[in-house]
């Protein structure tokens, strides 16, 4: 069976909407997996959120292009946890959720504790911002 077909099946069977490249390493060589992932991106089955981070895709009702099945702000914490990073909502989101303020947080901000993160997770103009607590 062609690796691309196996990859389609594996992605379809997964309950998670987001996956990291390391989860697919056992399917073939690095070059083969890269080619298969590029092909799936081109066909609109998956979208790339960052280096080694992919999400299941659906067609946009407005443009007809492939978009993630859930917003990036929902998918990013799942992906970071798969990469071994403990994340929580940012300070403004915590204050809003507790009722301390009525201001809605602007954009998706994740707190990474004392850990510094350089990884960019984004799709289109939805970019994840990291907040480090000292």
N, C-alpha and C. Protein backbone atom coordinates (compact mmCIF):
# COMPACT_ATOMS: atom_id res chain seq x y z
N UNK A 1 0.84 -1.18 0.00
CA UNK A 1 0.00 0.00 0.00
C UNK A 1 0.89 1.25 0.00
N UNK A 2 0.49 2.26 -0.71
CA UNK A 2 1.24 3.50 -0.79
C UNK A 2 1.17 4.20 0.56
N UNK A 3 2.29 4.82 0.94
CA UNK A 3 2.37 5.49 2.24
C UNK A 3 1.31 6.57 2.38
N UNK A 4 1.02 7.28 1.31
CA UNK A 4 0.01 8.34 1.39
C UNK A 4 -1.35 7.76 1.78
N UNK A 5 -1.71 6.61 1.24
CA UNK A 5 -2.98 5.97 1.58
C UNK A 5 -2.98 5.53 3.04
N UNK A 6 -1.86 4.98 3.50
CA UNK A 6 -1.76 4.58 4.91
C UNK A 6 -1.88 5.78 5.82
N UNK A 7 -1.25 6.87 5.43
CA UNK A 7 -1.29 8.10 6.22
C UNK A 7 -2.71 8.66 6.28
N UNK A 8 -3.43 8.62 5.16
CA UNK A 8 -4.83 9.06 5.14
C UNK A 8 -5.66 8.25 6.12
N UNK A 9 -5.45 6.93 6.09
CA UNK A 9 -6.21 6.05 6.97
C UNK A 9 -5.90 6.32 8.43
N UNK A 10 -4.61 6.48 8.75
CA UNK A 10 -4.20 6.74 10.13
C UNK A 10 -4.80 8.05 10.62
N UNK A 11 -4.77 9.08 9.80
CA UNK A 11 -5.29 10.39 10.20
C UNK A 11 -6.81 10.33 10.36
N UNK A 12 -7.49 9.63 9.48
CA UNK A 12 -8.95 9.51 9.56
C UNK A 12 -9.37 8.76 10.81
N UNK A 13 -8.63 7.73 11.19
CA UNK A 13 -8.98 6.91 12.34
C UNK A 13 -8.70 7.59 13.68
N UNK A 14 -7.84 8.58 13.69
CA UNK A 14 -7.48 9.27 14.94
C UNK A 14 -8.64 10.11 15.44
N UNK A 15 -8.78 10.14 16.76
CA UNK A 15 -9.79 11.00 17.37
C UNK A 15 -9.27 12.43 17.49
N UNK A 16 -7.97 12.59 17.68
CA UNK A 16 -7.38 13.91 17.80
C UNK A 16 -7.45 14.65 16.48
N UNK A 17 -7.72 15.95 16.55
CA UNK A 17 -7.74 16.77 15.34
C UNK A 17 -6.36 17.29 14.98
N UNK A 18 -5.42 17.20 15.91
CA UNK A 18 -4.07 17.71 15.69
C UNK A 18 -3.08 16.58 15.96
N UNK A 19 -2.00 16.56 15.19
CA UNK A 19 -0.98 15.55 15.41
C UNK A 19 0.38 16.14 15.09
N UNK A 20 1.40 15.54 15.70
CA UNK A 20 2.77 15.99 15.47
C UNK A 20 3.47 14.96 14.61
N UNK A 21 4.49 15.41 13.94
CA UNK A 21 5.21 14.56 12.99
C UNK A 21 5.81 13.32 13.65
N UNK A 22 6.23 13.45 14.90
CA UNK A 22 6.85 12.33 15.60
C UNK A 22 5.89 11.14 15.74
N UNK A 23 4.60 11.41 15.75
CA UNK A 23 3.62 10.33 15.84
C UNK A 23 3.54 9.51 14.55
N UNK A 24 4.03 10.06 13.46
CA UNK A 24 3.96 9.39 12.16
C UNK A 24 5.29 8.78 11.74
N UNK A 25 6.30 8.90 12.57
CA UNK A 25 7.66 8.47 12.20
C UNK A 25 7.75 6.98 11.88
N UNK A 26 6.91 6.16 12.49
CA UNK A 26 6.98 4.72 12.28
C UNK A 26 6.41 4.25 10.96
N UNK A 27 5.80 5.13 10.20
CA UNK A 27 5.15 4.72 8.95
C UNK A 27 6.11 4.60 7.78
N UNK A 28 7.25 5.29 7.85
CA UNK A 28 8.20 5.25 6.74
C UNK A 28 9.40 6.12 7.03
N UNK A 29 10.24 6.28 6.04
CA UNK A 29 11.42 7.12 6.23
C UNK A 29 11.00 8.59 6.31
N UNK A 30 11.93 9.42 6.74
CA UNK A 30 11.63 10.84 6.89
C UNK A 30 11.23 11.48 5.56
N UNK A 31 11.93 11.12 4.49
CA UNK A 31 11.63 11.68 3.18
C UNK A 31 10.26 11.21 2.68
N UNK A 32 9.94 9.95 2.89
CA UNK A 32 8.65 9.42 2.45
C UNK A 32 7.50 10.10 3.18
N UNK A 33 7.64 10.24 4.50
CA UNK A 33 6.59 10.88 5.30
C UNK A 33 6.44 12.34 4.88
N UNK A 34 7.55 13.02 4.60
CA UNK A 34 7.49 14.42 4.16
C UNK A 34 6.72 14.55 2.84
N UNK A 35 7.03 13.68 1.89
CA UNK A 35 6.33 13.72 0.61
C UNK A 35 4.83 13.46 0.78
N UNK A 36 4.50 12.47 1.60
CA UNK A 36 3.10 12.13 1.82
C UNK A 36 2.36 13.28 2.51
N UNK A 37 2.99 13.92 3.48
CA UNK A 37 2.36 15.05 4.17
C UNK A 37 2.15 16.23 3.22
N UNK A 38 3.15 16.52 2.38
CA UNK A 38 2.99 17.60 1.40
C UNK A 38 1.83 17.31 0.44
N UNK A 39 1.70 16.06 0.05
CA UNK A 39 0.63 15.67 -0.85
C UNK A 39 -0.74 15.83 -0.17
N UNK A 40 -0.83 15.46 1.10
CA UNK A 40 -2.09 15.60 1.84
C UNK A 40 -2.44 17.07 2.07
N UNK A 41 -1.43 17.91 2.26
CA UNK A 41 -1.67 19.35 2.39
C UNK A 41 -2.19 19.91 1.07
N UNK A 42 -1.57 19.50 -0.02
CA UNK A 42 -1.99 19.98 -1.34
C UNK A 42 -3.41 19.54 -1.68
N UNK A 43 -3.80 18.36 -1.22
CA UNK A 43 -5.16 17.87 -1.51
C UNK A 43 -6.20 18.44 -0.55
N UNK A 44 -5.77 19.12 0.51
CA UNK A 44 -6.70 19.75 1.44
C UNK A 44 -7.19 18.86 2.56
N UNK A 45 -6.54 17.72 2.77
CA UNK A 45 -6.94 16.82 3.85
C UNK A 45 -6.41 17.28 5.20
N UNK A 46 -5.23 17.89 5.21
CA UNK A 46 -4.63 18.41 6.43
C UNK A 46 -4.09 19.81 6.17
N UNK A 47 -3.82 20.54 7.24
CA UNK A 47 -3.19 21.85 7.15
C UNK A 47 -2.00 21.87 8.10
N UNK A 48 -1.03 22.68 7.77
CA UNK A 48 0.17 22.80 8.59
C UNK A 48 0.01 23.99 9.52
N UNK A 49 0.20 23.76 10.82
CA UNK A 49 0.09 24.82 11.81
C UNK A 49 1.44 25.36 12.24
N UNK A 50 2.47 24.57 12.03
CA UNK A 50 3.81 24.97 12.43
C UNK A 50 4.78 23.87 12.04
N UNK A 51 6.03 24.02 12.45
CA UNK A 51 7.04 23.02 12.12
C UNK A 51 6.68 21.71 12.83
N UNK A 52 6.34 20.70 12.06
CA UNK A 52 6.02 19.39 12.61
C UNK A 52 4.66 19.28 13.26
N UNK A 53 3.79 20.27 13.08
CA UNK A 53 2.45 20.25 13.67
C UNK A 53 1.42 20.37 12.55
N UNK A 54 0.52 19.40 12.49
CA UNK A 54 -0.50 19.35 11.44
C UNK A 54 -1.87 19.14 12.08
N UNK A 55 -2.91 19.56 11.37
CA UNK A 55 -4.28 19.40 11.85
C UNK A 55 -5.16 18.88 10.73
N UNK A 56 -6.21 18.17 11.11
CA UNK A 56 -7.19 17.75 10.13
C UNK A 56 -7.84 18.99 9.54
N UNK A 57 -8.28 18.90 8.30
CA UNK A 57 -8.82 20.07 7.61
C UNK A 57 -10.22 19.82 7.10
N UNK A 58 -10.91 20.93 6.86
CA UNK A 58 -12.21 20.91 6.20
C UNK A 58 -12.22 22.08 5.23
N UNK A 59 -13.18 22.08 4.32
CA UNK A 59 -13.28 23.18 3.36
C UNK A 59 -14.01 24.35 4.00
N UNK A 60 -13.49 25.53 3.76
CA UNK A 60 -14.13 26.75 4.23
C UNK A 60 -15.40 27.00 3.43
N UNK A 61 -16.46 27.39 4.13
CA UNK A 61 -17.72 27.70 3.45
C UNK A 61 -17.60 28.98 2.64
N UNK A 62 -16.71 29.87 3.06
CA UNK A 62 -16.56 31.16 2.38
C UNK A 62 -15.64 31.09 1.17
N UNK A 63 -14.43 30.54 1.38
CA UNK A 63 -13.44 30.57 0.31
C UNK A 63 -13.27 29.23 -0.41
N UNK A 64 -13.68 28.15 0.21
CA UNK A 64 -13.50 26.84 -0.40
C UNK A 64 -12.11 26.26 -0.17
N UNK A 65 -11.25 27.00 0.54
CA UNK A 65 -9.90 26.51 0.83
C UNK A 65 -9.92 25.67 2.10
N UNK A 66 -8.85 24.91 2.30
CA UNK A 66 -8.74 24.06 3.48
C UNK A 66 -8.44 24.91 4.71
N UNK A 67 -9.18 24.64 5.79
CA UNK A 67 -8.96 25.30 7.08
C UNK A 67 -8.98 24.22 8.16
N UNK A 68 -8.39 24.49 9.34
CA UNK A 68 -8.44 23.49 10.41
C UNK A 68 -9.88 23.23 10.85
N UNK A 69 -10.15 22.02 11.35
CA UNK A 69 -11.49 21.67 11.77
C UNK A 69 -11.91 22.44 13.02
N UNK A 70 -10.95 22.87 13.82
CA UNK A 70 -11.21 23.68 15.01
C UNK A 70 -10.29 24.89 14.97
N UNK A 71 -10.61 25.94 15.73
CA UNK A 71 -9.74 27.12 15.74
C UNK A 71 -8.34 26.78 16.26
N UNK A 72 -7.37 27.55 15.83
CA UNK A 72 -5.98 27.32 16.24
C UNK A 72 -5.84 27.48 17.75
N UNK A 73 -6.63 28.35 18.36
CA UNK A 73 -6.55 28.55 19.81
C UNK A 73 -6.97 27.29 20.57
N UNK A 74 -7.74 26.42 19.96
CA UNK A 74 -8.14 25.16 20.58
C UNK A 74 -7.12 24.06 20.29
N UNK A 75 -6.55 24.08 19.09
CA UNK A 75 -5.62 23.04 18.68
C UNK A 75 -4.22 23.21 19.27
N UNK A 76 -3.79 24.45 19.47
CA UNK A 76 -2.42 24.72 19.92
C UNK A 76 -2.10 24.10 21.29
N UNK A 77 -2.96 24.23 22.31
CA UNK A 77 -2.62 23.59 23.59
C UNK A 77 -2.47 22.07 23.48
N UNK A 78 -3.29 21.45 22.65
CA UNK A 78 -3.20 19.99 22.46
C UNK A 78 -1.86 19.63 21.83
N UNK A 79 -1.47 20.38 20.81
CA UNK A 79 -0.21 20.12 20.12
C UNK A 79 0.98 20.34 21.07
N UNK A 80 0.94 21.40 21.85
CA UNK A 80 2.05 21.68 22.77
C UNK A 80 2.14 20.60 23.85
N UNK A 81 1.00 20.11 24.32
CA UNK A 81 1.05 19.03 25.31
C UNK A 81 1.65 17.76 24.71
N UNK A 82 1.37 17.52 23.43
CA UNK A 82 1.97 16.35 22.76
C UNK A 82 3.48 16.52 22.63
N UNK A 83 3.94 17.77 22.58
CA UNK A 83 5.38 18.05 22.50
C UNK A 83 6.03 18.14 23.88
N UNK A 84 5.25 17.92 24.94
CA UNK A 84 5.80 17.89 26.29
C UNK A 84 5.83 19.24 26.99
N UNK A 85 5.02 20.19 26.53
CA UNK A 85 4.99 21.52 27.15
C UNK A 85 3.68 21.66 27.92
N UNK A 86 3.76 21.99 29.20
CA UNK A 86 2.57 22.24 30.00
C UNK A 86 2.10 23.66 29.74
N UNK A 87 0.88 23.81 29.29
CA UNK A 87 0.33 25.13 28.99
C UNK A 87 -0.97 25.34 29.75
N UNK A 88 -1.29 26.59 29.94
CA UNK A 88 -2.56 26.99 30.55
C UNK A 88 -3.00 28.29 29.88
N UNK A 89 -4.24 28.71 30.11
CA UNK A 89 -4.67 29.98 29.51
C UNK A 89 -3.82 31.14 30.03
N UNK A 90 -3.73 32.19 29.26
CA UNK A 90 -2.97 33.37 29.66
C UNK A 90 -3.63 34.09 30.82
N UNK A 91 -2.93 35.06 31.39
CA UNK A 91 -3.40 35.77 32.57
C UNK A 91 -4.73 36.49 32.32
N UNK A 92 -4.85 37.16 31.18
CA UNK A 92 -6.10 37.88 30.87
C UNK A 92 -7.28 36.91 30.74
N UNK A 93 -7.07 35.76 30.14
CA UNK A 93 -8.14 34.77 30.01
C UNK A 93 -8.54 34.23 31.38
N UNK A 94 -7.57 34.01 32.26
CA UNK A 94 -7.87 33.54 33.62
C UNK A 94 -8.70 34.57 34.37
N UNK A 95 -8.33 35.84 34.24
CA UNK A 95 -9.08 36.90 34.92
C UNK A 95 -10.50 36.99 34.38
N UNK A 96 -10.66 36.89 33.07
CA UNK A 96 -11.99 36.95 32.47
C UNK A 96 -12.83 35.76 32.91
N UNK A 97 -12.24 34.56 32.91
CA UNK A 97 -12.99 33.35 33.29
C UNK A 97 -13.40 33.37 34.76
N UNK A 98 -12.58 33.98 35.61
CA UNK A 98 -12.91 34.04 37.05
C UNK A 98 -13.88 35.17 37.36
N UNK A 99 -14.14 36.06 36.42
CA UNK A 99 -15.06 37.17 36.64
C UNK A 99 -14.40 38.41 37.21
N UNK A 100 -13.07 38.42 37.29
CA UNK A 100 -12.35 39.57 37.82
C UNK A 100 -12.39 40.76 36.88
N UNK A 101 -12.61 40.53 35.61
CA UNK A 101 -12.68 41.60 34.62
C UNK A 101 -13.71 41.25 33.56
N UNK A 102 -14.19 42.26 32.87
CA UNK A 102 -15.15 42.03 31.80
C UNK A 102 -14.50 42.20 30.44
N UNK A 103 -13.21 42.51 30.43
CA UNK A 103 -12.50 42.67 29.16
C UNK A 103 -12.19 41.31 28.57
N UNK A 104 -12.55 41.14 27.32
CA UNK A 104 -12.24 39.90 26.62
C UNK A 104 -10.78 39.91 26.20
N UNK A 105 -10.07 38.79 26.35
CA UNK A 105 -8.69 38.74 25.88
C UNK A 105 -8.62 38.88 24.36
N UNK A 106 -7.69 39.68 23.90
CA UNK A 106 -7.52 39.88 22.45
C UNK A 106 -6.51 38.87 21.93
N UNK A 107 -6.96 37.94 21.12
CA UNK A 107 -6.06 36.94 20.57
C UNK A 107 -5.87 35.76 21.51
N UNK A 108 -5.17 34.77 21.02
CA UNK A 108 -4.92 33.55 21.79
C UNK A 108 -3.57 33.66 22.48
N UNK A 109 -3.60 33.69 23.81
CA UNK A 109 -2.37 33.77 24.60
C UNK A 109 -2.33 32.56 25.51
N UNK A 110 -1.22 31.82 25.48
CA UNK A 110 -1.04 30.66 26.33
C UNK A 110 0.10 30.91 27.30
N UNK A 111 -0.10 30.50 28.53
CA UNK A 111 0.95 30.62 29.54
C UNK A 111 1.75 29.32 29.56
N UNK A 112 3.07 29.45 29.51
CA UNK A 112 3.93 28.27 29.50
C UNK A 112 4.70 28.11 30.81
N UNK A 113 4.26 28.80 31.85
CA UNK A 113 4.95 28.72 33.13
C UNK A 113 6.29 29.42 33.04
N UNK A 114 7.33 28.76 33.50
CA UNK A 114 8.66 29.35 33.46
C UNK A 114 9.42 28.95 32.20
N UNK A 115 8.79 28.19 31.35
CA UNK A 115 9.44 27.70 30.15
C UNK A 115 9.34 28.72 29.01
N UNK A 116 10.44 28.88 28.28
CA UNK A 116 10.47 29.79 27.14
C UNK A 116 10.24 28.98 25.88
N UNK A 117 9.30 29.43 25.05
CA UNK A 117 8.95 28.72 23.82
C UNK A 117 9.22 29.63 22.63
N UNK A 118 9.88 29.09 21.60
CA UNK A 118 10.14 29.82 20.38
C UNK A 118 9.29 29.35 19.22
N UNK A 119 8.59 28.25 19.38
CA UNK A 119 7.84 27.63 18.30
C UNK A 119 6.67 28.50 17.89
N UNK A 120 6.52 28.73 16.60
CA UNK A 120 5.40 29.51 16.08
C UNK A 120 4.30 28.55 15.65
N UNK A 121 3.12 28.77 16.20
CA UNK A 121 1.95 28.00 15.82
C UNK A 121 0.94 29.01 15.28
N UNK A 122 0.57 28.84 14.02
CA UNK A 122 -0.34 29.81 13.40
C UNK A 122 -1.01 29.18 12.19
N UNK A 123 -2.14 29.78 11.82
CA UNK A 123 -2.79 29.45 10.56
C UNK A 123 -3.45 30.73 10.08
N UNK A 124 -3.05 31.18 8.92
CA UNK A 124 -3.57 32.45 8.41
C UNK A 124 -3.15 33.58 9.33
N UNK A 125 -4.12 34.35 9.81
CA UNK A 125 -3.78 35.44 10.72
C UNK A 125 -4.01 35.08 12.19
N UNK A 126 -4.33 33.84 12.48
CA UNK A 126 -4.47 33.37 13.85
C UNK A 126 -3.12 32.89 14.36
N UNK A 127 -2.50 33.67 15.24
CA UNK A 127 -1.17 33.35 15.75
C UNK A 127 -1.26 33.16 17.26
N UNK A 128 -0.59 32.14 17.77
CA UNK A 128 -0.55 31.88 19.20
C UNK A 128 0.59 32.69 19.81
N UNK A 129 0.28 33.40 20.89
CA UNK A 129 1.28 34.19 21.62
C UNK A 129 1.54 33.49 22.94
N UNK A 130 2.81 33.46 23.36
CA UNK A 130 3.20 32.79 24.59
C UNK A 130 3.47 33.81 25.69
N UNK A 131 3.07 33.45 26.88
CA UNK A 131 3.26 34.31 28.04
C UNK A 131 4.07 33.49 29.06
N UNK A 132 5.14 34.06 29.53
CA UNK A 132 6.02 33.36 30.47
C UNK A 132 5.85 33.97 31.85
N UNK A 133 5.61 33.12 32.84
CA UNK A 133 5.48 33.58 34.22
C UNK A 133 6.83 33.46 34.90
N UNK A 134 7.27 34.51 35.53
CA UNK A 134 8.58 34.47 36.21
C UNK A 134 8.47 34.04 37.63
